[in-house]
N, C-alpha and C. Protein backbone atom coordinates (compact mmCIF):
# COMPACT_ATOMS: atom_id res chain seq x y z
N UNK A 1 -2.33 28.10 37.21
CA UNK A 1 -3.30 27.30 36.52
C UNK A 1 -4.29 26.75 37.53
N UNK A 2 -5.56 26.77 37.16
CA UNK A 2 -6.60 26.33 38.07
C UNK A 2 -7.24 25.05 37.51
N UNK A 3 -7.44 24.06 38.36
CA UNK A 3 -8.09 22.81 37.97
C UNK A 3 -9.55 22.86 38.39
N UNK A 4 -10.46 22.54 37.45
CA UNK A 4 -11.89 22.52 37.77
C UNK A 4 -12.54 21.31 37.14
N UNK A 5 -13.56 20.81 37.81
CA UNK A 5 -14.32 19.68 37.29
C UNK A 5 -15.36 20.14 36.28
N UNK A 6 -15.89 19.19 35.54
CA UNK A 6 -16.87 19.51 34.51
C UNK A 6 -18.13 20.12 35.11
N UNK A 7 -18.62 19.56 36.21
CA UNK A 7 -19.84 20.08 36.83
C UNK A 7 -19.63 21.52 37.30
N UNK A 8 -18.46 21.81 37.88
CA UNK A 8 -18.15 23.17 38.33
C UNK A 8 -18.06 24.12 37.13
N UNK A 9 -17.48 23.65 36.04
CA UNK A 9 -17.38 24.47 34.84
C UNK A 9 -18.77 24.81 34.31
N UNK A 10 -19.65 23.82 34.26
CA UNK A 10 -21.00 24.05 33.77
C UNK A 10 -21.77 25.01 34.68
N UNK A 11 -21.58 24.88 35.97
CA UNK A 11 -22.32 25.71 36.93
C UNK A 11 -21.82 27.15 36.98
N UNK A 12 -20.54 27.35 36.75
CA UNK A 12 -19.94 28.68 36.91
C UNK A 12 -19.15 29.10 35.68
N UNK A 13 -19.69 28.82 34.50
CA UNK A 13 -18.95 29.08 33.26
C UNK A 13 -18.55 30.55 33.12
N UNK A 14 -19.47 31.46 33.37
CA UNK A 14 -19.16 32.90 33.22
C UNK A 14 -18.02 33.32 34.14
N UNK A 15 -18.06 32.84 35.36
CA UNK A 15 -17.02 33.18 36.33
C UNK A 15 -15.66 32.65 35.88
N UNK A 16 -15.63 31.41 35.40
CA UNK A 16 -14.37 30.83 34.95
C UNK A 16 -13.84 31.56 33.71
N UNK A 17 -14.73 31.95 32.80
CA UNK A 17 -14.30 32.68 31.61
C UNK A 17 -13.76 34.07 31.97
N UNK A 18 -14.28 34.67 33.02
CA UNK A 18 -13.72 35.95 33.50
C UNK A 18 -12.26 35.77 33.92
N UNK A 19 -11.98 34.67 34.59
CA UNK A 19 -10.60 34.40 35.00
C UNK A 19 -9.70 34.21 33.77
N UNK A 20 -10.23 33.54 32.75
CA UNK A 20 -9.45 33.34 31.52
C UNK A 20 -9.18 34.69 30.86
N UNK A 21 -10.18 35.57 30.84
CA UNK A 21 -9.98 36.91 30.27
C UNK A 21 -8.91 37.69 31.02
N UNK A 22 -8.72 37.38 32.30
CA UNK A 22 -7.70 38.05 33.10
C UNK A 22 -6.32 37.43 32.88
N UNK A 23 -6.24 36.44 32.00
CA UNK A 23 -4.94 35.85 31.66
C UNK A 23 -4.63 34.54 32.36
N UNK A 24 -5.58 33.97 33.08
CA UNK A 24 -5.33 32.72 33.79
C UNK A 24 -5.73 31.52 32.94
N UNK A 25 -5.04 30.40 33.13
CA UNK A 25 -5.35 29.14 32.43
C UNK A 25 -6.23 28.27 33.29
N UNK A 26 -7.10 27.48 32.66
CA UNK A 26 -7.94 26.52 33.36
C UNK A 26 -7.66 25.12 32.82
N UNK A 27 -7.59 24.15 33.69
CA UNK A 27 -7.52 22.76 33.28
C UNK A 27 -8.82 22.11 33.68
N UNK A 28 -9.49 21.47 32.70
CA UNK A 28 -10.77 20.83 32.95
C UNK A 28 -10.50 19.37 33.29
N UNK A 29 -11.09 18.91 34.40
CA UNK A 29 -10.90 17.54 34.87
C UNK A 29 -12.18 16.74 34.73
N UNK A 30 -12.03 15.49 34.31
CA UNK A 30 -13.14 14.54 34.31
C UNK A 30 -12.75 13.44 35.28
N UNK A 31 -13.32 13.47 36.46
CA UNK A 31 -12.99 12.52 37.53
C UNK A 31 -11.49 12.51 37.81
N UNK A 32 -10.94 13.66 38.05
CA UNK A 32 -9.52 13.86 38.38
C UNK A 32 -8.56 13.59 37.23
N UNK A 33 -9.07 13.40 36.01
CA UNK A 33 -8.23 13.21 34.84
C UNK A 33 -8.31 14.46 33.96
N UNK A 34 -7.18 15.12 33.71
CA UNK A 34 -7.21 16.30 32.85
C UNK A 34 -7.63 15.92 31.43
N UNK A 35 -8.61 16.66 30.89
CA UNK A 35 -9.09 16.36 29.54
C UNK A 35 -9.01 17.56 28.59
N UNK A 36 -8.90 18.77 29.15
CA UNK A 36 -8.85 19.95 28.29
C UNK A 36 -8.20 21.10 29.04
N UNK A 37 -7.73 22.07 28.27
CA UNK A 37 -7.16 23.27 28.86
C UNK A 37 -7.78 24.48 28.16
N UNK A 38 -8.21 25.46 28.95
CA UNK A 38 -8.75 26.71 28.41
C UNK A 38 -7.71 27.78 28.69
N UNK A 39 -7.23 28.41 27.62
CA UNK A 39 -6.19 29.42 27.76
C UNK A 39 -6.66 30.70 27.08
N UNK A 40 -6.19 31.86 27.55
CA UNK A 40 -6.58 33.10 26.91
C UNK A 40 -5.98 33.21 25.50
N UNK A 41 -6.70 33.86 24.61
CA UNK A 41 -6.21 34.09 23.26
C UNK A 41 -5.20 35.22 23.31
N UNK A 42 -4.10 35.02 22.61
CA UNK A 42 -3.08 36.06 22.53
C UNK A 42 -3.33 36.84 21.24
N UNK A 43 -3.58 38.12 21.36
CA UNK A 43 -3.95 38.94 20.22
C UNK A 43 -2.85 39.01 19.16
N UNK A 44 -1.59 39.11 19.56
CA UNK A 44 -0.52 39.33 18.60
C UNK A 44 0.15 38.05 18.16
N UNK A 45 -0.21 36.94 18.71
CA UNK A 45 0.45 35.70 18.34
C UNK A 45 -0.54 34.58 18.23
N UNK A 46 -0.06 33.47 17.84
CA UNK A 46 -0.89 32.29 17.71
C UNK A 46 -0.78 31.46 18.99
N UNK A 47 -1.84 30.78 19.35
CA UNK A 47 -1.80 29.90 20.51
C UNK A 47 -0.90 28.71 20.21
N UNK A 48 -0.95 28.24 18.97
CA UNK A 48 -0.14 27.10 18.56
C UNK A 48 1.19 27.57 18.00
N UNK A 49 2.26 27.14 18.60
CA UNK A 49 3.60 27.48 18.14
C UNK A 49 4.14 26.30 17.33
N UNK A 50 4.48 26.55 16.09
CA UNK A 50 5.01 25.50 15.22
C UNK A 50 6.48 25.81 14.98
N UNK A 51 7.31 24.83 15.24
CA UNK A 51 8.74 25.04 15.02
C UNK A 51 9.13 24.46 13.68
N UNK A 52 10.18 24.98 13.12
CA UNK A 52 10.70 24.49 11.85
C UNK A 52 11.38 23.15 12.06
N UNK A 53 11.38 22.28 11.04
CA UNK A 53 12.09 21.01 11.19
C UNK A 53 13.59 21.24 11.31
N UNK A 54 14.25 20.30 11.91
CA UNK A 54 15.71 20.38 12.04
C UNK A 54 16.35 20.30 10.65
N UNK A 55 17.51 20.90 10.48
CA UNK A 55 18.14 20.93 9.15
C UNK A 55 18.39 19.54 8.54
N UNK A 56 18.69 18.55 9.34
CA UNK A 56 19.01 17.21 8.81
C UNK A 56 17.78 16.30 8.71
N UNK A 57 16.58 16.84 8.99
CA UNK A 57 15.36 16.04 8.92
C UNK A 57 15.00 15.73 7.47
N UNK A 58 14.46 14.53 7.20
CA UNK A 58 14.04 14.23 5.82
C UNK A 58 12.82 15.06 5.44
N UNK A 59 12.67 15.34 4.19
CA UNK A 59 11.51 16.07 3.70
C UNK A 59 10.28 15.18 3.81
N UNK A 60 9.13 15.80 3.93
CA UNK A 60 7.89 15.05 4.09
C UNK A 60 7.67 14.09 2.93
N UNK A 61 7.98 14.52 1.71
CA UNK A 61 7.80 13.67 0.54
C UNK A 61 8.74 12.46 0.56
N UNK A 62 9.82 12.53 1.32
CA UNK A 62 10.79 11.44 1.39
C UNK A 62 10.51 10.47 2.54
N UNK A 63 9.56 10.80 3.39
CA UNK A 63 9.24 9.96 4.53
C UNK A 63 8.31 8.84 4.09
N UNK A 64 8.70 7.59 4.26
CA UNK A 64 7.85 6.49 3.79
C UNK A 64 6.61 6.32 4.67
N UNK A 65 5.53 5.91 4.03
CA UNK A 65 4.29 5.63 4.77
C UNK A 65 4.41 4.25 5.41
N UNK A 66 3.70 4.03 6.51
CA UNK A 66 3.71 2.69 7.10
C UNK A 66 2.98 1.72 6.17
N UNK A 67 3.27 0.43 6.30
CA UNK A 67 2.59 -0.53 5.42
C UNK A 67 1.09 -0.58 5.75
N UNK A 68 0.27 -0.88 4.75
CA UNK A 68 -1.18 -0.95 5.02
C UNK A 68 -1.51 -2.09 5.97
N UNK A 69 -2.57 -1.90 6.73
CA UNK A 69 -3.01 -2.96 7.64
C UNK A 69 -3.60 -4.12 6.84
N UNK A 70 -3.32 -5.30 7.28
CA UNK A 70 -3.87 -6.48 6.62
C UNK A 70 -5.02 -7.01 7.47
N UNK A 71 -6.19 -6.45 7.21
CA UNK A 71 -7.39 -6.84 7.96
C UNK A 71 -8.26 -7.74 7.10
N UNK A 72 -8.88 -8.68 7.73
CA UNK A 72 -9.80 -9.56 7.01
C UNK A 72 -11.24 -9.07 7.17
N UNK A 73 -11.39 -7.97 7.89
CA UNK A 73 -12.72 -7.43 8.13
C UNK A 73 -12.76 -6.00 7.62
N UNK A 74 -13.92 -5.56 7.18
CA UNK A 74 -14.09 -4.21 6.68
C UNK A 74 -13.91 -3.21 7.81
N UNK A 75 -13.13 -2.16 7.57
CA UNK A 75 -12.84 -1.17 8.62
C UNK A 75 -14.10 -0.44 9.08
N UNK A 76 -15.03 -0.21 8.17
CA UNK A 76 -16.29 0.45 8.54
C UNK A 76 -17.08 -0.43 9.49
N UNK A 77 -17.09 -1.73 9.24
CA UNK A 77 -17.77 -2.66 10.15
C UNK A 77 -17.15 -2.63 11.54
N UNK A 78 -15.83 -2.56 11.59
CA UNK A 78 -15.15 -2.48 12.88
C UNK A 78 -15.52 -1.20 13.64
N UNK A 79 -15.56 -0.07 12.92
CA UNK A 79 -15.93 1.19 13.56
C UNK A 79 -17.36 1.15 14.07
N UNK A 80 -18.28 0.64 13.26
CA UNK A 80 -19.67 0.55 13.70
C UNK A 80 -19.81 -0.36 14.91
N UNK A 81 -19.11 -1.47 14.90
CA UNK A 81 -19.14 -2.40 16.03
C UNK A 81 -18.63 -1.73 17.30
N UNK A 82 -17.52 -0.97 17.18
CA UNK A 82 -16.97 -0.29 18.34
C UNK A 82 -17.94 0.75 18.89
N UNK A 83 -18.54 1.52 17.99
CA UNK A 83 -19.48 2.55 18.44
C UNK A 83 -20.70 1.98 19.11
N UNK A 84 -21.20 0.86 18.60
CA UNK A 84 -22.39 0.25 19.18
C UNK A 84 -22.11 -0.38 20.54
N UNK A 85 -20.90 -0.87 20.76
CA UNK A 85 -20.59 -1.51 22.04
C UNK A 85 -20.27 -0.49 23.13
N UNK A 86 -19.96 0.76 22.78
CA UNK A 86 -19.63 1.77 23.78
C UNK A 86 -20.86 2.39 24.43
N UNK A 87 -22.02 2.10 23.94
CA UNK A 87 -23.25 2.71 24.50
C UNK A 87 -23.69 2.06 25.74
C-alpha cells in the first residue's frame, strides 16, 4: 500500500491510477491523516464484503430504536449554524 498526499495525487493522478490498475492500493493523506483509500475494482467480486448476522442476533425489526433527542432548538437551525461557523 502506498501513502500519498492530496497535492501529489492531484499532480500525478494518471500515474497513481496506473498503479491502481496494476493491483496496488493507495491511501490518501491530508496532512499525514489518512482520509481515503483507492483500491482496484475486482471484476468477479464486490469490493464490499457483507457478512451474514450471527445466528443468535436479533432481527432488525426486533431491535429497538434509541429514544428521540430532546432538543429545545430546531435541528435545521443547528445544522445551519454549524455550517456557517465552519467557513
